[in-house]
Each structure stands twice: as structure tokens, then as C-alpha cells.
Amino acid sequence: MKKILTLIFLLAATLACLAQEEEGKKQDTSAKPATAVSDAEPAATYKLDFKIFEVEDGKRTNQRDFVLMTSAGRHDPPITLRIGTRVPVGTGDKQNYLDVGFNVWATLLEQAGKLTGTIRMEMSSFALPEQNNESRSSGMPVLRNSNFSVSTVLVLGKPQLITSIDDPNSKKTTQVQVLATKLD
């Protein structure tokens, strides 16, 4: 009798599992998502040409160029570029590291025929000896920082000045220009 009851129970459990599997297959084929991933239009790809100018007394004294490629999708992560040096600072057994250099983050969004760019930059460098006040110096490097974040509409094919930063310790100005180009 126990064997018959066990067999009936196993048969009923197997039939219930098969019924649930069939119901799941019916739901999978009848319910399609409103927008499938394959139906989504890929985001356009753009090239961003950055130029960083150092200007002193109205004349450009230095220029740095870099290019980044990105898409203009709503959920795309920001593109990043980090250039610099890790500098050890500290005394004795206690050492820490500072990142000195250049960092940029950028995201693009194409909406209603306009391209919007959100760009954030951090620039750091060591102060020149003449800018390093001895009373502040304790053997540790003195760093200079310039940071900015901007959101702007980018006009394709036209270089745009997105920021101009005056150096409070000199007559220098740093200007950042970007040129956006859509790639086909």
C-alpha cells in the first residue's frame, strides 16, 4: 500500500511540474516586452577633441590636446581619462600617495536634435618654487588645483570654449575648448 501511495504522489508531482512548465511556455510566447533590446536604436558615436591652452599676458604659451570617443546614450557610463603621477608624501614609516595630473569625465546625451555634454575636469600640478611660500613649506610638495564641471549644448563641428580659469598666483589663464564630431 505504501508503494502505491508513493507512486501516486510521484505521478501527481510530475504532472503538476509539467503543467507549470507548459503554462510558463505559453506566457513566454504571448508576453513580449514593449521594447526589446534588439529593437532599440543604438546611440550615435561622437568624437570629442579637447584642447587645453595656457595663456599668459594674452598669448598662448602651451597647448595640450586629447581625443575621447563616446556614445550619446541615456544610460551610458561617463567616459574617463586619467593622466598623472602618484607622488609619495609623508614622513618616516607613514607614507601616503597623492594623484597629481589631469582627470576628465564626460557624458553626452542627444535629445530633440541637440547634443548636451556634461564635462568635469580636475587638473593639479606642483607649485613652482617662487609660488611656494617658505612659511607654508614643511618639506611637503605644494599642489595647485583647478576643477570645474559644466553642462552645455555642443554645436557639432564648431570648437567651443567651455571654461576659462584664471590662476590666482600668476598672470596665467587656462582655457578648455571642445569640438564635437558625429561619427557615421
N, C-alpha and C. Protein backbone atom coordinates (compact mmCIF):
# COMPACT_ATOMS: atom_id res chain seq x y z
N MET A 1 0.82 -1.18 0.00
CA MET A 1 0.00 0.00 0.00
C MET A 1 0.88 1.26 0.00
N LYS A 2 1.98 1.25 0.78
CA LYS A 2 2.87 2.40 0.82
C LYS A 2 3.47 2.66 -0.55
N LYS A 3 3.81 1.57 -1.27
CA LYS A 3 4.41 1.73 -2.59
C LYS A 3 3.43 2.38 -3.55
N ILE A 4 2.16 2.03 -3.47
CA ILE A 4 1.14 2.59 -4.36
C ILE A 4 0.95 4.08 -4.04
N LEU A 5 0.87 4.43 -2.77
CA LEU A 5 0.70 5.83 -2.38
C LEU A 5 1.91 6.66 -2.81
N THR A 6 3.10 6.12 -2.65
CA THR A 6 4.31 6.83 -3.06
C THR A 6 4.31 7.03 -4.57
N LEU A 7 3.91 6.01 -5.33
CA LEU A 7 3.86 6.10 -6.78
C LEU A 7 2.83 7.12 -7.22
N ILE A 8 1.66 7.17 -6.58
CA ILE A 8 0.61 8.15 -6.91
C ILE A 8 1.12 9.56 -6.60
N PHE A 9 1.79 9.72 -5.48
CA PHE A 9 2.32 11.04 -5.11
C PHE A 9 3.36 11.51 -6.13
N LEU A 10 4.28 10.64 -6.54
CA LEU A 10 5.30 11.00 -7.53
C LEU A 10 4.67 11.32 -8.87
N LEU A 11 3.64 10.57 -9.28
CA LEU A 11 2.95 10.83 -10.54
C LEU A 11 2.25 12.18 -10.49
N ALA A 12 1.58 12.49 -9.38
CA ALA A 12 0.89 13.78 -9.23
C ALA A 12 1.89 14.94 -9.24
N ALA A 13 3.02 14.78 -8.58
CA ALA A 13 4.04 15.84 -8.54
C ALA A 13 4.62 16.06 -9.93
N THR A 14 4.86 14.99 -10.67
CA THR A 14 5.41 15.11 -12.02
C THR A 14 4.42 15.82 -12.93
N LEU A 15 3.14 15.45 -12.85
CA LEU A 15 2.11 16.10 -13.67
C LEU A 15 1.98 17.58 -13.33
N ALA A 16 2.08 17.93 -12.06
CA ALA A 16 1.99 19.34 -11.65
C ALA A 16 3.17 20.14 -12.20
N CYS A 17 4.36 19.54 -12.17
CA CYS A 17 5.54 20.23 -12.72
C CYS A 17 5.41 20.43 -14.22
N LEU A 18 4.94 19.41 -14.93
CA LEU A 18 4.76 19.53 -16.37
C LEU A 18 3.73 20.59 -16.72
N ALA A 19 2.66 20.67 -15.94
CA ALA A 19 1.61 21.67 -16.18
C ALA A 19 2.17 23.09 -15.97
N GLN A 20 2.97 23.27 -14.94
CA GLN A 20 3.57 24.59 -14.68
C GLN A 20 4.54 24.98 -15.80
N GLU A 21 5.30 24.02 -16.30
CA GLU A 21 6.24 24.29 -17.38
C GLU A 21 5.50 24.70 -18.65
N GLU A 22 4.41 24.02 -18.97
CA GLU A 22 3.60 24.36 -20.15
C GLU A 22 3.01 25.76 -20.01
N GLU A 23 2.52 26.08 -18.82
CA GLU A 23 1.94 27.41 -18.58
C GLU A 23 3.00 28.50 -18.74
N GLY A 24 4.21 28.22 -18.25
CA GLY A 24 5.31 29.18 -18.39
C GLY A 24 5.68 29.41 -19.84
N LYS A 25 5.68 28.35 -20.67
CA LYS A 25 5.98 28.49 -22.10
C LYS A 25 4.93 29.33 -22.79
N LYS A 26 3.66 29.13 -22.44
CA LYS A 26 2.58 29.92 -23.05
C LYS A 26 2.75 31.40 -22.70
N GLN A 27 3.09 31.70 -21.46
CA GLN A 27 3.26 33.09 -21.04
C GLN A 27 4.47 33.72 -21.73
N ASP A 28 5.56 32.96 -21.91
CA ASP A 28 6.75 33.49 -22.55
C ASP A 28 6.49 33.90 -23.99
N THR A 29 5.71 33.11 -24.72
CA THR A 29 5.47 33.43 -26.13
C THR A 29 4.40 34.49 -26.30
N SER A 30 3.47 34.61 -25.37
CA SER A 30 2.40 35.59 -25.53
C SER A 30 2.78 36.96 -24.98
N ALA A 31 3.66 37.02 -24.01
CA ALA A 31 4.02 38.31 -23.41
C ALA A 31 5.39 38.74 -23.90
N LYS A 32 5.44 39.70 -24.83
CA LYS A 32 6.69 40.26 -25.33
C LYS A 32 6.89 41.63 -24.70
N PRO A 33 8.11 41.96 -24.35
CA PRO A 33 8.36 43.29 -23.79
C PRO A 33 8.06 44.38 -24.82
N ALA A 34 7.70 45.55 -24.31
CA ALA A 34 7.32 46.66 -25.19
C ALA A 34 8.48 47.05 -26.11
N THR A 35 9.70 47.10 -25.57
CA THR A 35 10.87 47.41 -26.40
C THR A 35 11.94 46.38 -26.11
N ALA A 36 12.20 45.54 -27.03
CA ALA A 36 13.24 44.53 -26.89
C ALA A 36 14.59 45.19 -27.13
N VAL A 37 15.63 44.61 -26.56
CA VAL A 37 16.97 45.17 -26.69
C VAL A 37 17.38 45.23 -28.16
N SER A 38 17.02 44.21 -28.94
CA SER A 38 17.42 44.20 -30.34
C SER A 38 16.67 45.25 -31.15
N ASP A 39 15.48 45.69 -30.68
CA ASP A 39 14.72 46.71 -31.38
C ASP A 39 15.22 48.12 -31.07
N ALA A 40 16.00 48.27 -30.00
CA ALA A 40 16.46 49.60 -29.59
C ALA A 40 17.48 50.12 -30.60
N GLU A 41 17.37 51.41 -30.90
CA GLU A 41 18.29 52.04 -31.81
C GLU A 41 19.60 52.30 -31.08
N PRO A 42 20.73 51.91 -31.66
CA PRO A 42 21.99 52.18 -30.97
C PRO A 42 22.26 53.68 -30.89
N ALA A 43 22.89 54.10 -29.81
CA ALA A 43 23.22 55.51 -29.64
C ALA A 43 24.32 55.90 -30.61
N ALA A 44 24.25 57.13 -31.11
CA ALA A 44 25.26 57.63 -32.04
C ALA A 44 26.61 57.75 -31.33
N THR A 45 27.69 57.61 -32.09
CA THR A 45 29.04 57.73 -31.55
C THR A 45 29.61 59.10 -31.92
N TYR A 46 30.29 59.71 -30.97
CA TYR A 46 30.86 61.04 -31.15
C TYR A 46 32.34 61.03 -30.79
N LYS A 47 33.08 61.90 -31.44
CA LYS A 47 34.48 62.15 -31.11
C LYS A 47 34.54 63.52 -30.46
N LEU A 48 35.17 63.60 -29.31
CA LEU A 48 35.37 64.87 -28.60
C LEU A 48 36.85 65.22 -28.64
N ASP A 49 37.18 66.32 -29.33
CA ASP A 49 38.55 66.82 -29.40
C ASP A 49 38.69 67.94 -28.35
N PHE A 50 39.54 67.70 -27.37
CA PHE A 50 39.78 68.70 -26.33
C PHE A 50 41.11 69.38 -26.58
N LYS A 51 41.14 70.68 -26.33
CA LYS A 51 42.37 71.46 -26.38
C LYS A 51 42.42 72.27 -25.08
N ILE A 52 43.54 72.17 -24.39
CA ILE A 52 43.76 72.94 -23.16
C ILE A 52 44.88 73.93 -23.46
N PHE A 53 44.54 75.20 -23.36
CA PHE A 53 45.50 76.27 -23.64
C PHE A 53 45.93 76.93 -22.35
N GLU A 54 47.22 77.22 -22.24
CA GLU A 54 47.72 78.09 -21.18
C GLU A 54 48.00 79.43 -21.83
N VAL A 55 47.42 80.47 -21.27
CA VAL A 55 47.54 81.82 -21.83
C VAL A 55 48.19 82.72 -20.77
N GLU A 56 49.20 83.49 -21.20
CA GLU A 56 49.85 84.43 -20.29
C GLU A 56 49.99 85.76 -21.01
N ASP A 57 49.50 86.81 -20.39
CA ASP A 57 49.51 88.15 -20.97
C ASP A 57 48.87 88.16 -22.37
N GLY A 58 47.80 87.39 -22.54
CA GLY A 58 47.06 87.38 -23.79
C GLY A 58 47.64 86.50 -24.88
N LYS A 59 48.77 85.81 -24.61
CA LYS A 59 49.41 84.96 -25.62
C LYS A 59 49.36 83.50 -25.16
N ARG A 60 49.06 82.61 -26.09
CA ARG A 60 49.07 81.17 -25.78
C ARG A 60 50.51 80.71 -25.62
N THR A 61 50.81 80.12 -24.46
CA THR A 61 52.17 79.68 -24.18
C THR A 61 52.30 78.16 -24.21
N ASN A 62 51.20 77.45 -24.13
CA ASN A 62 51.24 75.99 -24.11
C ASN A 62 49.90 75.46 -24.57
N GLN A 63 49.91 74.27 -25.17
CA GLN A 63 48.66 73.64 -25.61
C GLN A 63 48.79 72.13 -25.42
N ARG A 64 47.75 71.52 -24.88
CA ARG A 64 47.67 70.07 -24.75
C ARG A 64 46.40 69.61 -25.45
N ASP A 65 46.49 68.53 -26.21
CA ASP A 65 45.35 68.01 -26.97
C ASP A 65 45.07 66.57 -26.54
N PHE A 66 43.79 66.19 -26.53
CA PHE A 66 43.43 64.80 -26.37
C PHE A 66 42.07 64.57 -27.00
N VAL A 67 41.83 63.32 -27.38
CA VAL A 67 40.60 62.93 -28.06
C VAL A 67 39.95 61.80 -27.29
N LEU A 68 38.65 61.88 -27.12
CA LEU A 68 37.87 60.82 -26.50
C LEU A 68 36.71 60.46 -27.41
N MET A 69 36.35 59.19 -27.45
CA MET A 69 35.20 58.72 -28.22
C MET A 69 34.14 58.24 -27.24
N THR A 70 32.87 58.55 -27.54
CA THR A 70 31.79 58.11 -26.67
C THR A 70 30.49 58.07 -27.45
N SER A 71 29.50 57.42 -26.87
CA SER A 71 28.16 57.43 -27.46
C SER A 71 27.30 58.39 -26.65
N ALA A 72 26.13 58.67 -27.20
CA ALA A 72 25.25 59.65 -26.55
C ALA A 72 23.99 58.97 -26.05
N GLY A 73 24.16 57.87 -25.34
CA GLY A 73 23.02 57.14 -24.79
C GLY A 73 22.67 57.59 -23.40
N ARG A 74 21.40 57.50 -23.08
CA ARG A 74 20.90 57.94 -21.77
C ARG A 74 21.55 57.17 -20.61
N HIS A 75 21.83 55.90 -20.80
CA HIS A 75 22.33 55.09 -19.70
C HIS A 75 23.80 54.72 -19.86
N ASP A 76 24.49 55.40 -20.77
CA ASP A 76 25.91 55.12 -20.95
C ASP A 76 26.70 55.67 -19.77
N PRO A 77 27.69 54.93 -19.29
CA PRO A 77 28.53 55.46 -18.21
C PRO A 77 29.41 56.58 -18.76
N PRO A 78 29.89 57.47 -17.89
CA PRO A 78 30.77 58.54 -18.38
C PRO A 78 32.08 57.97 -18.89
N ILE A 79 32.63 58.62 -19.91
CA ILE A 79 33.98 58.25 -20.35
C ILE A 79 34.96 58.95 -19.42
N THR A 80 36.08 58.33 -19.21
CA THR A 80 37.06 58.90 -18.29
C THR A 80 38.45 58.84 -18.90
N LEU A 81 39.25 59.81 -18.51
CA LEU A 81 40.66 59.85 -18.88
C LEU A 81 41.42 60.33 -17.66
N ARG A 82 42.45 59.58 -17.30
CA ARG A 82 43.28 59.94 -16.14
C ARG A 82 44.73 59.90 -16.58
N ILE A 83 45.41 61.03 -16.43
CA ILE A 83 46.83 61.12 -16.76
C ILE A 83 47.52 61.75 -15.57
N GLY A 84 48.55 61.13 -15.07
CA GLY A 84 49.22 61.76 -13.94
C GLY A 84 50.26 60.89 -13.29
N THR A 85 50.62 61.31 -12.11
CA THR A 85 51.67 60.67 -11.33
C THR A 85 51.17 60.49 -9.91
N ARG A 86 51.50 59.35 -9.32
CA ARG A 86 51.21 59.13 -7.90
C ARG A 86 52.49 59.51 -7.15
N VAL A 87 52.35 60.49 -6.28
CA VAL A 87 53.51 61.05 -5.58
C VAL A 87 53.47 60.63 -4.11
N PRO A 88 54.56 60.01 -3.61
CA PRO A 88 54.59 59.65 -2.19
C PRO A 88 54.81 60.89 -1.33
N VAL A 89 54.02 61.02 -0.31
CA VAL A 89 54.18 62.11 0.65
C VAL A 89 54.09 61.52 2.05
N GLY A 90 54.78 62.11 2.97
CA GLY A 90 54.74 61.62 4.34
C GLY A 90 56.12 61.63 4.95
N THR A 91 56.19 61.19 6.19
CA THR A 91 57.46 61.15 6.89
C THR A 91 57.62 59.78 7.54
N GLY A 92 58.85 59.32 7.59
CA GLY A 92 59.14 58.07 8.28
C GLY A 92 58.39 56.88 7.67
N ASP A 93 57.76 56.13 8.56
CA ASP A 93 57.05 54.93 8.13
C ASP A 93 55.67 55.23 7.55
N LYS A 94 55.19 56.43 7.75
CA LYS A 94 53.84 56.80 7.32
C LYS A 94 53.90 57.46 5.94
N GLN A 95 53.58 56.72 4.90
CA GLN A 95 53.59 57.24 3.53
C GLN A 95 52.18 57.17 2.94
N ASN A 96 51.77 58.25 2.32
CA ASN A 96 50.52 58.30 1.56
C ASN A 96 50.89 58.70 0.14
N TYR A 97 49.94 58.55 -0.76
CA TYR A 97 50.17 58.92 -2.15
C TYR A 97 49.13 59.93 -2.60
N LEU A 98 49.57 60.92 -3.34
CA LEU A 98 48.69 61.91 -3.95
C LEU A 98 48.69 61.69 -5.46
N ASP A 99 47.51 61.81 -6.07
CA ASP A 99 47.43 61.77 -7.52
C ASP A 99 47.58 63.19 -8.04
N VAL A 100 48.58 63.42 -8.87
CA VAL A 100 48.83 64.73 -9.44
C VAL A 100 48.76 64.59 -10.95
N GLY A 101 47.94 65.41 -11.58
CA GLY A 101 47.82 65.33 -13.04
C GLY A 101 46.50 65.86 -13.53
N PHE A 102 45.90 65.09 -14.40
CA PHE A 102 44.73 65.55 -15.15
C PHE A 102 43.69 64.43 -15.20
N ASN A 103 42.46 64.75 -14.85
CA ASN A 103 41.34 63.80 -14.93
C ASN A 103 40.17 64.46 -15.64
N VAL A 104 39.51 63.72 -16.50
CA VAL A 104 38.31 64.24 -17.17
C VAL A 104 37.24 63.14 -17.20
N TRP A 105 35.99 63.56 -17.00
CA TRP A 105 34.82 62.71 -17.12
C TRP A 105 33.85 63.42 -18.05
N ALA A 106 33.23 62.68 -18.96
CA ALA A 106 32.29 63.31 -19.89
C ALA A 106 31.16 62.35 -20.22
N THR A 107 29.95 62.89 -20.31
CA THR A 107 28.79 62.14 -20.79
C THR A 107 28.09 63.00 -21.84
N LEU A 108 27.51 62.34 -22.82
CA LEU A 108 26.75 63.02 -23.86
C LEU A 108 25.33 62.48 -23.88
N LEU A 109 24.40 63.36 -24.24
CA LEU A 109 23.01 62.97 -24.39
C LEU A 109 22.43 63.70 -25.58
N GLU A 110 21.85 62.94 -26.50
CA GLU A 110 21.23 63.50 -27.68
C GLU A 110 19.73 63.49 -27.46
N GLN A 111 19.11 64.68 -27.48
CA GLN A 111 17.68 64.82 -27.24
C GLN A 111 17.13 65.95 -28.07
N ALA A 112 16.02 65.68 -28.73
CA ALA A 112 15.33 66.70 -29.53
C ALA A 112 16.27 67.40 -30.51
N GLY A 113 17.17 66.63 -31.11
CA GLY A 113 18.08 67.19 -32.11
C GLY A 113 19.24 67.97 -31.55
N LYS A 114 19.40 68.01 -30.23
CA LYS A 114 20.51 68.73 -29.60
C LYS A 114 21.42 67.75 -28.87
N LEU A 115 22.70 68.07 -28.86
CA LEU A 115 23.68 67.27 -28.15
C LEU A 115 24.11 68.02 -26.90
N THR A 116 23.85 67.44 -25.75
CA THR A 116 24.22 68.04 -24.48
C THR A 116 25.41 67.29 -23.91
N GLY A 117 26.41 68.02 -23.49
CA GLY A 117 27.58 67.42 -22.88
C GLY A 117 27.74 67.86 -21.44
N THR A 118 28.03 66.91 -20.56
CA THR A 118 28.37 67.22 -19.18
C THR A 118 29.82 66.81 -19.01
N ILE A 119 30.65 67.78 -18.70
CA ILE A 119 32.10 67.56 -18.65
C ILE A 119 32.63 68.04 -17.30
N ARG A 120 33.45 67.20 -16.70
CA ARG A 120 34.08 67.55 -15.42
C ARG A 120 35.58 67.31 -15.55
N MET A 121 36.37 68.29 -15.13
CA MET A 121 37.83 68.18 -15.19
C MET A 121 38.45 68.54 -13.86
N GLU A 122 39.53 67.85 -13.55
CA GLU A 122 40.37 68.16 -12.40
C GLU A 122 41.80 68.23 -12.91
N MET A 123 42.47 69.33 -12.65
CA MET A 123 43.86 69.50 -13.04
C MET A 123 44.66 69.88 -11.80
N SER A 124 45.75 69.17 -11.56
CA SER A 124 46.61 69.51 -10.42
C SER A 124 48.07 69.45 -10.87
N SER A 125 48.88 70.30 -10.24
CA SER A 125 50.31 70.34 -10.56
C SER A 125 51.05 70.85 -9.33
N PHE A 126 52.35 70.70 -9.36
CA PHE A 126 53.16 71.21 -8.27
C PHE A 126 53.37 72.70 -8.44
N ALA A 127 53.34 73.43 -7.34
CA ALA A 127 53.61 74.86 -7.38
C ALA A 127 55.08 75.08 -7.73
N LEU A 128 55.34 76.13 -8.46
CA LEU A 128 56.72 76.49 -8.78
C LEU A 128 57.41 76.97 -7.51
N PRO A 129 58.73 76.85 -7.44
CA PRO A 129 59.43 77.27 -6.21
C PRO A 129 59.11 78.70 -5.80
N GLU A 130 58.97 79.62 -6.77
CA GLU A 130 58.68 81.02 -6.41
C GLU A 130 57.24 81.19 -5.90
N GLN A 131 56.38 80.20 -6.12
CA GLN A 131 55.00 80.25 -5.62
C GLN A 131 54.86 79.53 -4.29
N ASN A 132 55.93 78.92 -3.83
CA ASN A 132 55.92 78.14 -2.61
C ASN A 132 56.44 78.98 -1.46
N ASN A 133 55.56 79.48 -0.65
CA ASN A 133 55.92 80.31 0.50
C ASN A 133 56.62 79.44 1.54
N GLU A 134 57.83 79.84 1.95
CA GLU A 134 58.62 79.05 2.91
C GLU A 134 57.88 78.80 4.22
N SER A 135 57.03 79.73 4.64
CA SER A 135 56.34 79.55 5.92
C SER A 135 55.32 78.41 5.82
N ARG A 136 54.83 78.12 4.62
CA ARG A 136 53.86 77.02 4.46
C ARG A 136 54.56 75.70 4.18
N SER A 137 55.80 75.78 3.78
CA SER A 137 56.51 74.58 3.34
C SER A 137 57.12 73.84 4.52
N SER A 138 56.82 72.58 4.59
CA SER A 138 57.40 71.74 5.63
C SER A 138 58.04 70.52 4.99
N GLY A 139 58.60 70.71 3.80
CA GLY A 139 59.19 69.59 3.09
C GLY A 139 58.19 68.84 2.25
N MET A 140 56.94 69.16 2.37
CA MET A 140 55.89 68.50 1.59
C MET A 140 55.64 69.31 0.32
N PRO A 141 55.29 68.63 -0.77
CA PRO A 141 55.04 69.37 -2.01
C PRO A 141 53.80 70.24 -1.88
N VAL A 142 53.83 71.39 -2.53
CA VAL A 142 52.69 72.28 -2.58
C VAL A 142 52.00 72.06 -3.92
N LEU A 143 50.72 71.74 -3.87
CA LEU A 143 49.96 71.44 -5.09
C LEU A 143 49.02 72.57 -5.45
N ARG A 144 48.83 72.74 -6.74
CA ARG A 144 47.86 73.72 -7.26
C ARG A 144 46.76 72.91 -7.95
N ASN A 145 45.51 73.30 -7.75
CA ASN A 145 44.38 72.58 -8.32
C ASN A 145 43.46 73.52 -9.06
N SER A 146 42.89 73.02 -10.16
CA SER A 146 41.82 73.70 -10.88
C SER A 146 40.78 72.64 -11.20
N ASN A 147 39.56 72.86 -10.81
CA ASN A 147 38.48 71.91 -11.05
C ASN A 147 37.28 72.64 -11.62
N PHE A 148 36.56 71.98 -12.51
CA PHE A 148 35.30 72.56 -12.99
C PHE A 148 34.39 71.46 -13.49
N SER A 149 33.11 71.78 -13.52
CA SER A 149 32.08 70.91 -14.06
C SER A 149 31.12 71.80 -14.83
N VAL A 150 30.77 71.38 -16.05
CA VAL A 150 29.90 72.21 -16.90
C VAL A 150 28.96 71.30 -17.69
N SER A 151 27.73 71.76 -17.87
CA SER A 151 26.78 71.12 -18.78
C SER A 151 26.43 72.15 -19.83
N THR A 152 26.57 71.77 -21.10
CA THR A 152 26.35 72.72 -22.18
C THR A 152 25.84 72.01 -23.42
N VAL A 153 25.19 72.77 -24.29
CA VAL A 153 24.79 72.25 -25.60
C VAL A 153 26.01 72.38 -26.51
N LEU A 154 26.38 71.27 -27.14
CA LEU A 154 27.53 71.26 -28.04
C LEU A 154 27.04 71.39 -29.47
N VAL A 155 27.63 72.31 -30.21
CA VAL A 155 27.30 72.51 -31.61
C VAL A 155 28.28 71.67 -32.42
N LEU A 156 27.76 70.72 -33.19
CA LEU A 156 28.63 69.81 -33.95
C LEU A 156 29.51 70.58 -34.94
N GLY A 157 30.79 70.20 -34.98
CA GLY A 157 31.72 70.78 -35.93
C GLY A 157 32.23 72.16 -35.58
N LYS A 158 31.86 72.69 -34.41
CA LYS A 158 32.28 74.04 -34.03
C LYS A 158 33.04 73.98 -32.70
N PRO A 159 34.33 74.41 -32.69
CA PRO A 159 35.06 74.43 -31.42
C PRO A 159 34.40 75.42 -30.44
N GLN A 160 34.26 74.98 -29.21
CA GLN A 160 33.61 75.82 -28.20
C GLN A 160 34.49 75.93 -26.96
N LEU A 161 34.66 77.14 -26.48
CA LEU A 161 35.35 77.38 -25.22
C LEU A 161 34.37 77.03 -24.11
N ILE A 162 34.71 76.03 -23.29
CA ILE A 162 33.77 75.62 -22.24
C ILE A 162 34.14 76.14 -20.87
N THR A 163 35.39 76.58 -20.69
CA THR A 163 35.76 77.23 -19.44
C THR A 163 37.05 78.01 -19.61
N SER A 164 37.22 79.01 -18.76
CA SER A 164 38.44 79.80 -18.69
C SER A 164 38.71 80.04 -17.21
N ILE A 165 39.89 79.61 -16.75
CA ILE A 165 40.21 79.66 -15.32
C ILE A 165 41.46 80.51 -15.12
N ASP A 166 41.34 81.59 -14.35
CA ASP A 166 42.50 82.43 -14.01
C ASP A 166 43.26 81.79 -12.85
N ASP A 167 44.59 81.80 -12.96
CA ASP A 167 45.45 81.32 -11.88
C ASP A 167 45.62 82.47 -10.89
N PRO A 168 45.23 82.29 -9.65
CA PRO A 168 45.33 83.38 -8.67
C PRO A 168 46.76 83.73 -8.30
N ASN A 169 47.73 82.84 -8.60
CA ASN A 169 49.13 83.08 -8.22
C ASN A 169 49.99 83.63 -9.34
N SER A 170 49.40 83.85 -10.53
CA SER A 170 50.20 84.35 -11.64
C SER A 170 49.28 85.08 -12.62
N LYS A 171 49.86 85.44 -13.75
CA LYS A 171 49.08 86.10 -14.80
C LYS A 171 48.61 85.09 -15.85
N LYS A 172 48.58 83.83 -15.49
CA LYS A 172 48.20 82.77 -16.42
C LYS A 172 46.70 82.47 -16.35
N THR A 173 46.19 82.04 -17.48
CA THR A 173 44.80 81.60 -17.60
C THR A 173 44.81 80.25 -18.30
N THR A 174 43.99 79.35 -17.85
CA THR A 174 43.81 78.06 -18.52
C THR A 174 42.46 78.08 -19.21
N GLN A 175 42.46 77.76 -20.51
CA GLN A 175 41.23 77.71 -21.29
C GLN A 175 41.04 76.29 -21.82
N VAL A 176 39.78 75.82 -21.77
CA VAL A 176 39.46 74.48 -22.27
C VAL A 176 38.47 74.63 -23.41
N GLN A 177 38.81 74.03 -24.53
CA GLN A 177 37.97 74.09 -25.73
C GLN A 177 37.62 72.65 -26.14
N VAL A 178 36.38 72.44 -26.63
CA VAL A 178 35.98 71.11 -27.10
C VAL A 178 35.32 71.22 -28.46
N LEU A 179 35.59 70.25 -29.31
CA LEU A 179 34.98 70.16 -30.64
C LEU A 179 34.32 68.78 -30.72
N ALA A 180 33.00 68.76 -30.92
CA ALA A 180 32.26 67.50 -31.02
C ALA A 180 31.99 67.19 -32.50
N THR A 181 32.25 65.94 -32.88
CA THR A 181 32.02 65.48 -34.24
C THR A 181 31.25 64.18 -34.19
N LYS A 182 30.17 64.09 -34.96
CA LYS A 182 29.39 62.84 -35.02
C LYS A 182 30.04 61.91 -36.02
N LEU A 183 30.24 60.65 -35.59
CA LEU A 183 30.82 59.64 -36.47
C LEU A 183 29.71 58.80 -37.08
N ASP A 184 29.87 58.46 -38.35
CA ASP A 184 28.86 57.65 -39.03
C ASP A 184 29.17 56.18 -38.98
